[in-house]
Protein backbone atom coordinates (compact mmCIF):
# COMPACT_ATOMS: atom_id res chain seq x y z
CA MET A 1 -3.28 4.10 -46.50
CA PHE A 2 -2.29 5.67 -43.01
CA GLU A 3 -0.69 8.76 -42.75
CA THR A 4 1.89 9.99 -39.94
CA SER A 5 2.09 12.97 -38.82
CA GLU A 6 4.52 14.62 -36.09
CA LEU A 7 2.94 15.92 -32.56
CA GLU A 8 4.24 18.94 -31.40
CA LEU A 9 4.80 18.95 -27.81
CA VAL A 10 3.29 22.15 -26.17
CA GLY A 11 3.77 23.60 -23.00
CA TYR A 12 5.66 20.15 -22.11
CA LYS A 13 8.28 21.27 -19.42
CA GLN A 14 11.09 18.68 -17.89
CA SER A 15 12.91 20.22 -14.75
CA ALA A 16 14.94 18.30 -11.90
CA GLY A 17 13.36 15.77 -10.72
CA ARG A 18 9.99 16.23 -12.53
CA VAL A 19 9.27 14.86 -16.04
CA GLY A 20 5.84 15.60 -17.36
CA GLY A 21 4.08 15.81 -13.99
CA LEU A 22 5.72 12.55 -12.44
CA ASN A 23 8.37 12.68 -9.59
CA LEU A 24 11.17 10.50 -10.90
CA ALA A 25 14.28 9.51 -9.16
CA SER A 26 17.72 9.30 -9.61
CA GLU A 27 18.38 7.49 -13.48
CA ASN A 28 14.93 8.45 -14.31
CA ARG A 29 13.23 5.41 -12.11
CA PHE A 30 9.69 6.03 -11.06
CA LEU A 31 9.63 5.42 -6.94
CA PRO A 32 7.60 6.98 -4.13
CA LYS A 33 8.71 9.21 -1.84
CA LYS A 34 7.01 8.62 1.25
CA VAL A 35 4.49 5.59 2.74
CA PHE A 36 2.36 5.83 5.03
CA PHE A 37 0.37 2.81 6.97
CA THR A 38 -3.25 2.19 7.52
CA SER A 39 -6.23 -0.29 8.12
CA GLY A 40 -9.85 -0.01 8.60
CA VAL A 41 -12.89 -2.54 8.70
CA GLY A 42 -16.54 -2.28 7.19
CA LYS A 43 -19.31 -4.03 7.90
CA HIS A 44 -22.71 -4.47 5.24
CA ARG A 45 -26.00 -6.03 4.33
CA ASP A 46 -23.70 -5.70 0.91
CA ALA A 47 -20.06 -7.28 0.71
CA LEU A 48 -19.24 -4.37 -1.82
CA VAL A 49 -20.54 -1.59 0.60
CA SER A 50 -18.64 -3.58 3.48
CA PHE A 51 -15.34 -2.97 1.46
CA GLU A 52 -16.20 0.68 0.81
CA LEU A 53 -16.63 1.25 4.32
CA ALA A 54 -13.15 -0.33 5.16
CA LEU A 55 -11.64 2.10 2.56
CA ARG A 56 -13.46 4.88 4.59
CA ASP A 57 -12.54 3.47 7.79
CA ALA A 58 -9.26 3.29 6.89
CA GLY A 59 -9.12 7.13 5.20
CA ILE A 60 -8.11 5.84 1.90
CA GLU A 61 -11.91 6.10 -0.27
CA LYS A 62 -11.44 9.14 -2.03
CA PHE A 63 -8.80 7.41 -4.25
CA ASN A 64 -8.39 5.48 -7.00
CA LEU A 65 -6.36 2.71 -5.77
CA VAL A 66 -3.74 0.59 -7.76
CA THR A 67 -2.33 -2.23 -6.02
CA VAL A 68 1.17 -2.93 -6.75
CA SER A 69 3.26 -5.80 -5.30
CA SER A 70 5.59 -5.61 -2.10
CA ILE A 71 8.93 -4.13 -2.43
CA TYR A 72 9.62 -1.22 0.28
CA PRO A 73 11.52 1.44 -2.54
CA PRO A 74 14.96 2.52 -1.45
CA GLY A 75 14.84 6.25 0.08
CA CYS A 76 11.31 6.16 0.54
CA GLU A 77 10.18 7.79 4.12
CA MET A 78 7.77 6.58 6.21
CA ILE A 79 4.87 9.17 7.57
CA THR A 80 2.28 9.55 9.75
CA LYS A 81 -1.65 8.62 8.29
CA GLU A 82 -2.49 12.41 8.72
CA GLU A 83 0.84 13.61 6.80
CA GLY A 84 0.00 11.47 3.90
CA LEU A 85 -3.44 12.32 3.84
CA LYS A 86 -2.59 15.82 3.32
CA GLU A 87 -0.74 15.20 -0.21
CA LEU A 88 -3.07 13.45 -1.66
CA HIS A 89 -6.23 14.59 -3.12
CA PRO A 90 -9.66 13.19 -4.12
CA GLY A 91 -9.16 10.98 -7.42
CA GLN A 92 -5.68 10.42 -7.95
CA ILE A 93 -4.08 7.38 -8.94
CA VAL A 94 -2.65 6.49 -5.74
CA PHE A 95 0.06 3.10 -5.60
CA CYS A 96 -0.68 1.01 -2.75
CA VAL A 97 0.34 -2.63 -1.02
CA MET A 98 -3.12 -3.94 0.11
CA SER A 99 -4.42 -7.23 1.85
CA ARG A 100 -8.27 -7.09 2.09
CA MET A 101 -10.38 -9.89 3.70
CA THR A 102 -14.58 -10.16 3.45
CA SER A 103 -16.50 -12.97 4.74
CA CYS A 104 -20.19 -13.37 5.65
CA GLU A 105 -19.62 -16.09 8.13
CA LYS A 106 -20.87 -14.83 10.97
CA GLY A 107 -18.92 -15.38 14.66
CA LYS A 108 -15.71 -15.65 12.81
CA ARG A 109 -12.73 -13.35 13.21
CA ILE A 110 -11.16 -11.99 10.19
CA PHE A 111 -7.60 -10.62 9.89
CA ALA A 112 -6.06 -8.32 7.05
CA SER A 113 -2.01 -7.44 7.46
CA VAL A 114 0.86 -5.76 5.76
CA GLY A 115 3.74 -6.48 7.23
CA ALA A 116 7.23 -4.50 6.67
CA ALA A 117 10.85 -5.24 6.73
CA ILE A 118 13.25 -2.06 6.48
CA PRO A 119 16.67 -1.87 6.32
CA ASP A 120 18.87 0.19 8.35
CA THR A 121 20.40 1.46 4.90
CA PRO A 122 18.46 3.95 3.28
CA THR A 123 19.54 3.34 -0.29
CA LEU A 124 18.55 -0.34 -0.24
CA ASN A 125 15.39 -1.22 -0.83
CA GLY A 126 12.79 -3.18 2.12
CA TYR A 127 9.88 -5.86 1.40
CA LEU A 128 6.15 -5.79 2.14
CA THR A 129 3.77 -8.72 2.50
CA GLU A 130 0.38 -8.75 2.28
CA TYR A 131 -1.26 -11.59 4.52
CA HIS A 132 -5.47 -12.72 5.40
CA GLY A 133 -7.63 -15.15 6.19
CA TYR A 134 -8.95 -16.06 9.59
CA CYS A 135 -7.57 -14.90 13.04
CA ASN A 136 -5.18 -17.20 15.03
CA GLY A 137 -3.31 -14.62 17.17
CA GLU A 138 -0.22 -14.64 14.85
CA GLU A 139 -1.49 -12.84 11.93
CA GLY A 140 0.43 -9.31 12.09
CA LYS A 141 3.56 -11.05 14.06
CA TYR A 142 3.66 -13.71 10.93
CA ALA A 143 3.48 -11.11 8.21
CA GLU A 144 6.34 -9.29 9.92
CA GLU A 145 8.40 -12.34 10.17
CA MET A 146 7.28 -13.24 6.49
CA ALA A 147 8.94 -9.86 5.02
CA ALA A 148 12.03 -10.25 6.65
CA TYR A 149 12.84 -13.58 5.24
CA MET A 150 11.59 -12.92 2.17
CA LEU A 151 14.30 -9.70 2.18
CA ARG A 152 16.94 -11.66 3.39
CA THR A 153 16.07 -14.15 0.93
CA ALA A 154 15.70 -12.54 -1.93
CA PHE A 155 17.93 -9.63 -1.75
CA ASP A 156 20.24 -11.04 0.97
CA ILE A 157 19.71 -8.12 2.89
CA GLU A 158 19.30 -7.81 6.42
CA PRO A 159 16.27 -5.93 7.62
CA GLY A 160 16.99 -3.08 10.34
CA LYS A 161 13.32 -2.56 11.43
CA THR A 162 10.24 -4.67 10.88
CA LEU A 163 6.54 -3.69 11.67
CA ASN A 164 3.29 -4.35 10.57
CA ILE A 165 -0.37 -2.81 10.32
CA THR A 166 -3.13 -5.20 10.86
CA ALA A 167 -6.99 -4.62 11.02
CA THR A 168 -8.78 -7.57 12.98
CA ALA A 169 -13.14 -7.65 13.12
CA GLU A 170 -15.85 -10.10 14.10
CA VAL A 171 -17.72 -10.83 11.03
CA ASP A 172 -21.23 -9.65 11.41
CA GLU A 173 -23.23 -9.61 7.94
CA TYR A 174 -20.68 -9.20 5.46
CA THR A 175 -17.15 -7.85 6.92
CA THR A 176 -14.42 -6.71 5.40
CA VAL A 177 -10.81 -5.79 6.54
CA VAL A 178 -8.02 -3.91 4.82
CA ALA A 179 -4.91 -2.97 5.93
CA ALA A 180 -2.26 -1.02 3.34
CA ALA A 181 0.92 1.03 2.77
CA VAL A 182 -0.51 3.84 0.77
CA PHE A 183 2.66 5.55 -1.25
CA VAL A 184 3.30 9.02 -2.12
CA ILE A 185 5.01 9.90 -5.44
């Protein structure tokens, strides 16, 4: 009933560190090489447009963003947003850890934060956390503390440094805040 046929791959090349266009780390693991942190705020009468404007403010609106969970890859180099954006292209699929909050409760303050806990030993993984909600004065610091806690309790790794990227805004119309750790493969 069904016929099978062989598929010949023409022009398929494999070279050190690259297979089919993807960068691979040792032992064939698909790992980001670099990461940058960014945040943005958007306000508009439409919720979706406010999100788009927040992405524009963060500089990441031109990419097809795929959110992933919260592990900071081993050997991942932290770079500036400007350096990272130079390595990405419009329409590219880009992986990120993103925190996002949208509200239309005028007068409230909202936040989105990504916290990071990174070990001193580059061969070990770190942890990223995403928090969002209404401001209480501790939002960025809390994201850092929870990233450190998760790294310690999940992997028994002590962080060498912690940091956060946090966006806050007073709500006016629909307001969206985003914070992201953006990976460069």
